[in-house]
Amino acid sequence: MNALIPGSFAPITLGHVNIIERAARMFDKVYVAVMNNDSAKHDATLSSKTYTLDIEKRLEIVKASVSHISNVEAISSEGMLIDLCDLIDTHIVVKGIRNGEDLEYEMKHAKWNKEHNPKIETIFLPCDEKLSSISSTLVRKLISEKKYSELEGIVAPLAIKLLQDYER
């Protein structure tokens, strides 16, 4: 059985990698889909995001961060999650949850996805306690302040190098 882990991965953190590693132990193949969250244009109750890195750069960072996991394939999609599930023939969506706020946010998306593609089942994995304070927002803040050394233990070492290169 295959699963899909979608996200904006703006950028991917070790918290994301932990969820991907755990899902890879549960499923034969895991697709990690780098996507643009423009949900608000489809449903006013959902939110959208803006990005400092384009989808190709985020995909490159994801590929570097998960290259050690043999049954994971990183892909990108500009379309909708409900259509991507059909395209890659997988209907299990895995989402990591750090706290109640994450759960509430992801539940809205899971409900919308299920309403628009009844085959989709969303599985929530709680994050590892020691990684619960890591967020992409924190990573973006450190990058904007050029504090790359503080990214150690928050993002994969290969990702730090790529992030530094993109900033130049």
C-alpha atoms as a PDB file:
ATOM      1  CA  MET A   1       0.000   0.000   0.000  1.00  0.00           C
ATOM      2  CA  ASN A   2       1.209   3.507  -0.865  1.00  0.00           C
ATOM      3  CA  ALA A   3       0.715   6.803   0.929  1.00  0.00           C
ATOM      4  CA  LEU A   4       1.062  10.479   0.133  1.00  0.00           C
ATOM      5  CA  ILE A   5       2.512  13.143   2.408  1.00  0.00           C
ATOM      6  CA  PRO A   6       1.612  16.516   0.928  1.00  0.00           C
ATOM      7  CA  GLY A   7       2.870  19.881   2.113  1.00  0.00           C
ATOM      8  CA  SER A   8       4.285  23.196   1.115  1.00  0.00           C
ATOM      9  CA  PHE A   9       7.582  22.250   2.785  1.00  0.00           C
ATOM     10  CA  ALA A  10       8.568  25.902   2.952  1.00  0.00           C
ATOM     11  CA  PRO A  11      11.105  24.596   3.860  1.00  0.00           C
ATOM     12  CA  ILE A  12      11.132  20.998   5.052  1.00  0.00           C
ATOM     13  CA  THR A  13      12.240  20.533   8.670  1.00  0.00           C
ATOM     14  CA  LEU A  14      13.501  17.555  10.664  1.00  0.00           C
ATOM     15  CA  GLY A  15       9.964  17.341  12.075  1.00  0.00           C
ATOM     16  CA  HIS A  16       8.691  16.693   8.549  1.00  0.00           C
ATOM     17  CA  VAL A  17      11.509  14.212   7.923  1.00  0.00           C
ATOM     18  CA  ASN A  18      10.590  12.332  11.108  1.00  0.00           C
ATOM     19  CA  ILE A  19       6.975  11.954   9.947  1.00  0.00           C
ATOM     20  CA  ILE A  20       8.187  10.810   6.504  1.00  0.00           C
ATOM     21  CA  GLU A  21      10.565   8.236   8.039  1.00  0.00           C
ATOM     22  CA  ARG A  22       7.803   6.842  10.248  1.00  0.00           C
ATOM     23  CA  ALA A  23       5.310   6.676   7.368  1.00  0.00           C
ATOM     24  CA  ALA A  24       7.953   4.921   5.245  1.00  0.00           C
ATOM     25  CA  ARG A  25       8.044   2.133   7.848  1.00  0.00           C
ATOM     26  CA  MET A  26       4.250   1.701   7.558  1.00  0.00           C
ATOM     27  CA  PHE A  27       3.759   1.839   3.791  1.00  0.00           C
ATOM     28  CA  ASP A  28       5.377   0.171   0.801  1.00  0.00           C
ATOM     29  CA  LYS A  29       5.960   3.502  -0.911  1.00  0.00           C
ATOM     30  CA  VAL A  30       5.560   7.067   0.282  1.00  0.00           C
ATOM     31  CA  TYR A  31       5.207   9.985  -2.076  1.00  0.00           C
ATOM     32  CA  VAL A  32       6.201  13.323  -0.601  1.00  0.00           C
ATOM     33  CA  ALA A  33       4.429  15.969  -2.650  1.00  0.00           C
ATOM     34  CA  VAL A  34       5.694  19.542  -2.586  1.00  0.00           C
ATOM     35  CA  MET A  35       2.656  21.659  -3.316  1.00  0.00           C
ATOM     36  CA  ASN A  36       1.455  25.233  -3.252  1.00  0.00           C
ATOM     37  CA  ASN A  37      -1.281  25.788  -0.707  1.00  0.00           C
ATOM     38  CA  ASP A  38      -3.827  27.960  -2.478  1.00  0.00           C
ATOM     39  CA  SER A  39      -6.823  26.424  -0.715  1.00  0.00           C
ATOM     40  CA  ALA A  40      -8.566  29.753  -0.153  1.00  0.00           C
ATOM     41  CA  LYS A  41      -9.357  30.079  -3.845  1.00  0.00           C
ATOM     42  CA  HIS A  42     -11.406  26.860  -3.578  1.00  0.00           C
ATOM     43  CA  ASP A  43     -12.969  27.372  -0.157  1.00  0.00           C
ATOM     44  CA  ALA A  44     -13.088  30.638   1.815  1.00  0.00           C
ATOM     45  CA  THR A  45     -12.891  28.763   5.144  1.00  0.00           C
ATOM     46  CA  LEU A  46      -9.416  27.465   4.237  1.00  0.00           C
ATOM     47  CA  SER A  47      -6.185  29.460   4.103  1.00  0.00           C
ATOM     48  CA  SER A  48      -3.480  29.925   1.485  1.00  0.00           C
ATOM     49  CA  LYS A  49       0.247  30.575   1.835  1.00  0.00           C
ATOM     50  CA  THR A  50       2.887  32.644   0.071  1.00  0.00           C
ATOM     51  CA  TYR A  51       6.403  31.332  -0.516  1.00  0.00           C
ATOM     52  CA  THR A  52       9.934  32.714  -0.525  1.00  0.00           C
ATOM     53  CA  LEU A  53      11.260  29.692  -2.461  1.00  0.00           C
ATOM     54  CA  ASP A  54       9.636  28.462  -5.663  1.00  0.00           C
ATOM     55  CA  ILE A  55       8.314  24.926  -5.911  1.00  0.00           C
ATOM     56  CA  GLU A  56      11.389  23.603  -7.771  1.00  0.00           C
ATOM     57  CA  LYS A  57      13.782  24.791  -5.040  1.00  0.00           C
ATOM     58  CA  ARG A  58      11.549  23.402  -2.296  1.00  0.00           C
ATOM     59  CA  LEU A  59      11.438  20.066  -4.172  1.00  0.00           C
ATOM     60  CA  GLU A  60      15.234  19.989  -4.427  1.00  0.00           C
ATOM     61  CA  ILE A  61      15.535  20.559  -0.663  1.00  0.00           C
ATOM     62  CA  VAL A  62      12.967  17.836   0.049  1.00  0.00           C
ATOM     63  CA  LYS A  63      14.800  15.360  -2.209  1.00  0.00           C
ATOM     64  CA  ALA A  64      18.076  16.083  -0.387  1.00  0.00           C
ATOM     65  CA  SER A  65      16.407  15.741   3.026  1.00  0.00           C
ATOM     66  CA  VAL A  66      14.798  12.343   2.304  1.00  0.00           C
ATOM     67  CA  SER A  67      17.452  10.800   0.055  1.00  0.00           C
ATOM     68  CA  HIS A  68      18.346   8.310   2.811  1.00  0.00           C
ATOM     69  CA  ILE A  69      14.866   6.682   2.718  1.00  0.00           C
ATOM     70  CA  SER A  70      14.712   4.072  -0.048  1.00  0.00           C
ATOM     71  CA  ASN A  71      10.922   3.819  -0.437  1.00  0.00           C
ATOM     72  CA  VAL A  72      10.249   7.571  -0.580  1.00  0.00           C
ATOM     73  CA  GLU A  73       9.809   9.525  -3.786  1.00  0.00           C
ATOM     74  CA  ALA A  74       9.647  13.317  -3.707  1.00  0.00           C
ATOM     75  CA  ILE A  75       7.431  14.893  -6.349  1.00  0.00           C
ATOM     76  CA  SER A  76       5.813  18.255  -6.938  1.00  0.00           C
ATOM     77  CA  SER A  77       2.358  19.219  -8.068  1.00  0.00           C
ATOM     78  CA  GLU A  78       0.755  22.524  -8.949  1.00  0.00           C
ATOM     79  CA  GLY A  79      -2.692  20.926  -8.900  1.00  0.00           C
ATOM     80  CA  MET A  80      -5.082  19.899  -6.177  1.00  0.00           C
ATOM     81  CA  LEU A  81      -4.360  17.149  -3.661  1.00  0.00           C
ATOM     82  CA  ILE A  82      -7.618  15.349  -4.474  1.00  0.00           C
ATOM     83  CA  ASP A  83      -6.562  15.049  -8.113  1.00  0.00           C
ATOM     84  CA  LEU A  84      -2.964  14.091  -7.286  1.00  0.00           C
ATOM     85  CA  CYS A  85      -4.216  11.153  -5.209  1.00  0.00           C
ATOM     86  CA  ASP A  86      -6.060   9.819  -8.252  1.00  0.00           C
ATOM     87  CA  LEU A  87      -3.111  10.506 -10.547  1.00  0.00           C
ATOM     88  CA  ILE A  88      -0.614   8.514  -8.461  1.00  0.00           C
ATOM     89  CA  ASP A  89      -3.243   5.944  -7.441  1.00  0.00           C
ATOM     90  CA  THR A  90      -2.974   6.390  -3.719  1.00  0.00           C
ATOM     91  CA  HIS A  91      -5.723   7.527  -1.397  1.00  0.00           C
ATOM     92  CA  ILE A  92      -3.974   7.480   1.962  1.00  0.00           C
ATOM     93  CA  VAL A  93      -2.852  10.960   3.004  1.00  0.00           C
ATOM     94  CA  VAL A  94      -0.516  11.238   5.991  1.00  0.00           C
ATOM     95  CA  LYS A  95      -0.237  14.490   7.937  1.00  0.00           C
ATOM     96  CA  GLY A  96       1.976  15.283  10.923  1.00  0.00           C
ATOM     97  CA  ILE A  97       0.398  17.019  13.908  1.00  0.00           C
ATOM     98  CA  ARG A  98       2.346  19.056  16.498  1.00  0.00           C
ATOM     99  CA  ASN A  99      -0.526  20.401  18.583  1.00  0.00           C
ATOM    100  CA  GLY A 100      -4.256  21.074  18.751  1.00  0.00           C
ATOM    101  CA  GLU A 101      -3.966  24.037  16.406  1.00  0.00           C
ATOM    102  CA  ASP A 102      -2.352  21.839  13.742  1.00  0.00           C
ATOM    103  CA  LEU A 103      -5.062  19.212  14.242  1.00  0.00           C
ATOM    104  CA  GLU A 104      -7.853  21.755  13.812  1.00  0.00           C
ATOM    105  CA  TYR A 105      -6.222  23.157  10.653  1.00  0.00           C
ATOM    106  CA  GLU A 106      -5.580  19.710   9.148  1.00  0.00           C
ATOM    107  CA  MET A 107      -9.058  18.432  10.054  1.00  0.00           C
ATOM    108  CA  LYS A 108     -10.602  21.201   7.925  1.00  0.00           C
ATOM    109  CA  HIS A 109      -8.457  20.157   4.969  1.00  0.00           C
ATOM    110  CA  ALA A 110      -9.152  16.444   5.525  1.00  0.00           C
ATOM    111  CA  LYS A 111     -12.893  17.106   5.620  1.00  0.00           C
ATOM    112  CA  TRP A 112     -12.771  19.160   2.423  1.00  0.00           C
ATOM    113  CA  ASN A 113     -10.626  16.529   0.662  1.00  0.00           C
ATOM    114  CA  LYS A 114     -13.008  13.728   1.690  1.00  0.00           C
ATOM    115  CA  GLU A 115     -16.042  15.713   0.511  1.00  0.00           C
ATOM    116  CA  HIS A 116     -14.442  16.239  -2.896  1.00  0.00           C
ATOM    117  CA  ASN A 117     -12.809  12.803  -3.270  1.00  0.00           C
ATOM    118  CA  PRO A 118     -14.553  10.208  -1.054  1.00  0.00           C
ATOM    119  CA  LYS A 119     -11.744   7.666  -1.605  1.00  0.00           C
ATOM    120  CA  ILE A 120      -9.256   9.775   0.397  1.00  0.00           C
ATOM    121  CA  GLU A 121      -8.486   8.754   3.973  1.00  0.00           C
ATOM    122  CA  THR A 122      -6.319  11.045   6.090  1.00  0.00           C
ATOM    123  CA  ILE A 123      -4.098   9.615   8.809  1.00  0.00           C
ATOM    124  CA  PHE A 124      -2.655  11.916  11.464  1.00  0.00           C
ATOM    125  CA  LEU A 125       0.711  11.135  13.047  1.00  0.00           C
ATOM    126  CA  PRO A 126       1.660  13.017  16.191  1.00  0.00           C
ATOM    127  CA  CYS A 127       5.109  14.514  15.955  1.00  0.00           C
ATOM    128  CA  ASP A 128       8.016  13.346  18.040  1.00  0.00           C
ATOM    129  CA  GLU A 129       7.961  15.327  21.299  1.00  0.00           C
ATOM    130  CA  LYS A 130      11.553  16.531  20.901  1.00  0.00           C
ATOM    131  CA  LEU A 131      10.710  18.007  17.477  1.00  0.00           C
ATOM    132  CA  SER A 132       7.403  19.656  18.404  1.00  0.00           C
ATOM    133  CA  SER A 133       8.813  23.184  18.640  1.00  0.00           C
ATOM    134  CA  ILE A 134      10.243  23.110  15.104  1.00  0.00           C
ATOM    135  CA  SER A 135       8.288  24.970  12.449  1.00  0.00           C
ATOM    136  CA  SER A 136       8.932  26.194   8.931  1.00  0.00           C
ATOM    137  CA  THR A 137       8.121  29.683  10.235  1.00  0.00           C
ATOM    138  CA  LEU A 138      11.091  29.444  12.634  1.00  0.00           C
ATOM    139  CA  VAL A 139      13.323  28.219   9.794  1.00  0.00           C
ATOM    140  CA  ARG A 140      12.256  31.110   7.545  1.00  0.00           C
ATOM    141  CA  LYS A 141      12.988  33.562  10.370  1.00  0.00           C
ATOM    142  CA  LEU A 142      16.495  32.150  10.892  1.00  0.00           C
ATOM    143  CA  ILE A 143      17.153  32.247   7.145  1.00  0.00           C
ATOM    144  CA  SER A 144      16.000  35.862   6.871  1.00  0.00           C
ATOM    145  CA  GLU A 145      18.387  36.739   9.714  1.00  0.00           C
ATOM    146  CA  LYS A 146      21.164  34.690   8.004  1.00  0.00           C
ATOM    147  CA  LYS A 147      21.571  32.533  11.145  1.00  0.00           C
ATOM    148  CA  TYR A 148      22.412  29.350   9.239  1.00  0.00           C
ATOM    149  CA  SER A 149      24.395  27.809  12.091  1.00  0.00           C
ATOM    150  CA  GLU A 150      21.188  27.832  14.182  1.00  0.00           C
ATOM    151  CA  LEU A 151      19.491  25.609  11.593  1.00  0.00           C
ATOM    152  CA  GLU A 152      21.527  22.601  12.783  1.00  0.00           C
ATOM    153  CA  GLY A 153      19.173  20.149  14.460  1.00  0.00           C
ATOM    154  CA  ILE A 154      16.184  21.834  12.780  1.00  0.00           C
ATOM    155  CA  VAL A 155      16.735  20.992   9.089  1.00  0.00           C
ATOM    156  CA  ALA A 156      18.830  18.326   7.381  1.00  0.00           C
ATOM    157  CA  PRO A 157      22.501  19.261   6.825  1.00  0.00           C
ATOM    158  CA  LEU A 158      22.145  19.000   3.031  1.00  0.00           C
ATOM    159  CA  ALA A 159      19.144  21.347   3.232  1.00  0.00           C
ATOM    160  CA  ILE A 160      21.166  23.964   5.145  1.00  0.00           C
ATOM    161  CA  LYS A 161      23.726  24.049   2.325  1.00  0.00           C
ATOM    162  CA  LEU A 162      21.014  24.405  -0.324  1.00  0.00           C
ATOM    163  CA  LEU A 163      19.253  27.148   1.642  1.00  0.00           C
ATOM    164  CA  GLN A 164      22.519  29.077   1.949  1.00  0.00           C
ATOM    165  CA  ASP A 165      23.148  28.708  -1.788  1.00  0.00           C
ATOM    166  CA  TYR A 166      19.671  30.026  -2.645  1.00  0.00           C
ATOM    167  CA  GLU A 167      20.184  33.087  -0.472  1.00  0.00           C
ATOM    168  CA  ARG A 168      23.287  34.139  -2.400  1.00  0.00           C
END
